Protein backbone atom coordinates (compact mmCIF):
# COMPACT_ATOMS: atom_id res chain seq x y z
CA MET A 1 -6.36 8.61 -14.59
CA GLY A 2 -9.87 7.26 -14.59
CA LYS A 3 -11.75 5.99 -11.58
CA CYS A 4 -9.72 4.60 -8.67
CA ASP A 5 -10.95 1.14 -7.65
CA ALA A 6 -8.24 0.40 -5.08
CA PHE A 7 -5.39 2.29 -3.42
CA VAL A 8 -2.50 0.15 -2.18
CA ILE A 9 0.30 1.51 0.02
CA GLY A 10 3.55 -0.33 0.61
CA GLY A 11 6.32 0.62 2.97
CA SER A 12 8.96 -0.45 5.41
CA ALA A 13 11.29 1.40 7.76
CA GLY A 14 10.04 4.95 8.28
CA SER A 15 6.65 4.46 6.64
CA LEU A 16 4.53 4.25 9.81
CA ASP A 17 5.23 7.91 10.59
CA VAL A 18 3.97 8.85 7.12
CA LEU A 19 0.73 6.88 7.60
CA LEU A 20 0.13 8.51 10.99
CA LYS A 21 0.40 11.95 9.35
CA VAL A 22 -1.61 11.14 6.21
CA LEU A 23 -4.54 8.94 7.32
CA PRO A 24 -6.13 11.53 9.67
CA LEU A 25 -6.53 13.87 6.68
CA VAL A 26 -8.12 11.33 4.30
CA ARG A 27 -11.85 11.63 3.55
CA THR A 28 -14.09 9.08 5.20
CA ASP A 29 -16.41 8.72 2.20
CA LEU A 30 -13.87 7.10 -0.12
CA SER A 31 -15.26 5.13 -3.05
CA PHE A 32 -12.35 2.66 -2.87
CA PRO A 33 -10.47 0.60 -0.26
CA ILE A 34 -7.00 1.45 1.03
CA VAL A 35 -4.76 -1.59 1.47
CA ILE A 36 -1.60 -1.18 3.55
CA VAL A 37 1.36 -3.56 3.43
CA ILE A 38 4.06 -2.66 5.94
CA HIS A 39 7.05 -4.82 6.76
CA ARG A 40 6.66 -5.78 10.40
CA LYS A 41 8.25 -8.26 12.72
CA HIS A 42 6.21 -11.42 13.24
CA GLY A 43 3.82 -10.98 16.16
CA ALA A 44 5.28 -7.60 17.08
CA ASP A 45 3.01 -4.97 15.60
CA SER A 46 -0.36 -6.59 16.10
CA LEU A 47 -1.35 -3.19 17.46
CA LEU A 48 -0.85 -1.53 14.07
CA PRO A 49 -4.57 -1.55 13.11
CA ASP A 50 -5.45 -0.06 16.53
CA LEU A 51 -2.76 2.57 16.21
CA LEU A 52 -4.01 3.63 12.76
CA SER A 53 -7.65 3.39 13.83
CA ALA A 54 -7.01 5.88 16.64
CA ARG A 55 -5.86 8.43 14.05
CA THR A 56 -8.65 8.21 11.46
CA SER A 57 -12.44 7.98 11.25
CA LEU A 58 -12.09 5.45 8.44
CA ARG A 59 -12.76 1.84 9.36
CA VAL A 60 -9.37 0.13 9.91
CA LYS A 61 -8.98 -3.62 10.20
CA GLU A 62 -6.43 -6.37 9.83
CA VAL A 63 -7.16 -8.54 6.80
CA GLU A 64 -8.80 -11.93 7.27
CA GLU A 65 -8.59 -14.85 4.82
CA LYS A 66 -11.21 -14.72 2.00
CA GLU A 67 -12.55 -11.38 3.23
CA THR A 68 -14.44 -9.34 0.62
CA ILE A 69 -12.74 -6.02 -0.17
CA LEU A 70 -15.05 -3.08 0.54
CA PRO A 71 -14.71 0.63 -0.27
CA GLY A 72 -14.04 3.16 2.47
CA THR A 73 -12.11 0.63 4.55
CA VAL A 74 -8.41 0.61 5.43
CA TYR A 75 -7.06 -2.95 5.35
CA VAL A 76 -3.76 -3.80 7.04
CA ALA A 77 -1.77 -6.86 5.96
CA PRO A 78 -1.19 -9.18 8.93
CA SER A 79 2.42 -9.87 9.86
CA ASP A 80 4.08 -12.99 8.44
CA TYR A 81 1.65 -13.54 5.53
CA HIS A 82 1.79 -12.38 1.94
CA LEU A 83 -1.40 -10.49 1.15
CA LEU A 84 -2.83 -11.46 -2.24
CA ILE A 85 -5.84 -9.99 -3.99
CA GLU A 86 -8.05 -12.46 -5.83
CA LEU A 87 -10.07 -11.92 -9.01
CA ASP A 88 -13.33 -12.13 -7.01
CA HIS A 89 -12.19 -9.07 -5.00
CA THR A 90 -11.36 -11.01 -1.85
CA PHE A 91 -8.08 -11.28 0.04
CA SER A 92 -6.04 -14.40 0.40
CA LEU A 93 -3.24 -14.89 2.92
CA ASP A 94 -0.22 -16.82 1.75
CA TYR A 95 2.57 -18.32 3.85
CA SER A 96 5.01 -19.11 1.03
CA GLU A 97 8.70 -18.13 0.97
CA LYS A 98 9.71 -14.60 1.92
CA ILE A 99 10.26 -12.20 -0.99
CA ASN A 100 12.99 -9.58 -0.51
CA PHE A 101 13.45 -11.01 3.00
CA SER A 102 9.87 -9.97 3.79
CA ARG A 103 6.50 -11.55 4.49
CA PRO A 104 4.26 -9.72 3.77
CA ALA A 105 6.04 -8.61 0.61
CA ILE A 106 4.85 -5.44 -1.08
CA ASP A 107 5.63 -6.90 -4.52
CA ALA A 108 3.15 -9.75 -4.00
CA THR A 109 0.29 -7.39 -3.13
CA PHE A 110 1.07 -4.82 -5.84
CA GLN A 111 1.34 -7.57 -8.49
CA THR A 112 -1.91 -9.34 -7.62
CA ALA A 113 -3.75 -6.01 -7.23
CA ALA A 114 -2.49 -4.93 -10.67
CA GLU A 115 -3.96 -8.06 -12.28
CA VAL A 116 -7.31 -7.53 -10.56
CA TYR A 117 -7.77 -3.75 -10.78
CA GLY A 118 -5.73 -2.85 -13.89
CA ALA A 119 -6.14 0.83 -14.76
CA GLY A 120 -8.27 1.33 -11.63
CA LEU A 121 -5.30 0.71 -9.32
CA VAL A 122 -3.17 3.37 -7.66
CA CYS A 123 -0.11 2.26 -5.66
CA LEU A 124 2.09 4.33 -3.38
CA LEU A 125 5.53 3.16 -2.26
CA LEU A 126 6.82 4.77 0.94
CA SER A 127 10.06 4.88 2.92
CA GLY A 128 12.00 1.64 3.29
CA SER A 129 15.38 -0.03 3.26
CA ASN A 130 15.09 -2.61 0.47
CA ALA A 131 13.73 -2.77 -3.08
CA ASP A 132 10.48 -4.56 -2.21
CA GLY A 133 7.69 -2.90 -4.20
CA VAL A 134 9.78 -2.05 -7.26
CA GLU A 135 8.81 -5.17 -9.26
CA GLY A 136 5.24 -4.68 -8.08
CA LEU A 137 5.18 -1.12 -9.42
CA LYS A 138 6.42 -2.45 -12.77
CA SER A 139 3.35 -4.74 -12.83
CA VAL A 140 1.09 -1.82 -11.91
CA LYS A 141 2.40 0.09 -14.93
CA GLN A 142 2.06 -2.95 -17.23
CA TRP A 143 -1.60 -3.32 -16.25
CA GLY A 144 -2.30 0.41 -16.77
CA GLY A 145 -2.42 1.52 -13.14
CA LEU A 146 -0.83 4.56 -11.50
CA ALA A 147 2.57 4.17 -9.80
CA THR A 148 3.42 6.78 -7.18
CA ILE A 149 6.21 7.05 -4.64
CA GLN A 150 7.04 9.09 -1.58
CA ASP A 151 9.55 11.80 -2.43
CA PRO A 152 12.83 10.14 -1.40
CA GLU A 153 13.93 13.52 0.02
CA SER A 154 11.17 13.25 2.65
CA ALA A 155 11.67 9.54 3.39
CA GLN A 156 13.34 8.48 6.64
CA VAL A 157 14.92 5.67 4.61
CA ALA A 158 15.09 6.77 0.96
CA TYR A 159 16.31 3.47 -0.57
CA MET A 160 12.89 1.98 -1.42
CA PRO A 161 11.32 4.97 -3.22
CA GLU A 162 14.70 5.87 -4.77
CA GLU A 163 15.05 2.37 -6.30
CA ALA A 164 11.53 2.68 -7.69
CA ARG A 165 12.34 6.07 -9.19
CA LYS A 166 15.45 4.60 -10.88
CA ARG A 167 13.80 1.45 -12.22
CA VAL A 168 10.13 2.32 -12.92
CA ASN A 169 8.45 5.06 -14.96
CA ILE A 170 6.82 6.69 -11.92
CA ASP A 171 3.64 8.74 -12.47
CA ARG A 172 3.82 10.94 -9.36
CA ILE A 173 6.41 11.70 -6.68
CA LEU A 174 4.55 12.89 -3.59
CA ARG A 175 5.71 14.86 -0.60
CA ILE A 176 4.08 13.73 2.66
CA GLU A 177 2.02 16.91 2.93
CA ASP A 178 0.59 16.35 -0.58
CA MET A 179 -0.51 12.74 -0.01
CA PRO A 180 -3.90 13.37 1.72
CA GLU A 181 -5.14 15.67 -1.06
CA PHE A 182 -3.85 13.27 -3.71
CA ILE A 183 -5.81 10.39 -2.11
CA ASN A 184 -8.93 12.50 -1.53
CA LEU A 185 -9.08 13.61 -5.16
CA LEU A 186 -9.06 9.98 -6.37
CA SER A 187 -12.53 9.41 -4.94
């Protein structure tokens, strides 16, 4: 693995608990952005950036349309929009059809990030109850990036990381307690 240019985390049911344990232990001088795509109910979890911000010294913010992606920042996908990463390293918010019953869909973010960052991309798929993220991890591998998953044994809902393990050549399976060090060593 060469230099990490972007770290993208996808998750659904059970993944918020993981983020609340991991983010407080992540270095604040990261040389790359962290992008988080969590399935959330429309309008419900608008407090998610505040909740995460209270647990870390990293800058946490909800993504805005055409925003430039900066290192050392944690970006949270807004509810009810697909989060796409553009070639000019900006975000774009998309309101097209749901993918895997979800908007934002993890696949959409992983796939567009893979095309932009190639071998510089690291993606982590967390706990969840559907297969969103699996096709995205396939794209990450095709473009030379690193595909990692939460150890299904430690996931509240093992289906999402388990499907990825079955269908993608995963590079690393991480226990929750190993995630902060893994992220910190990428910088």
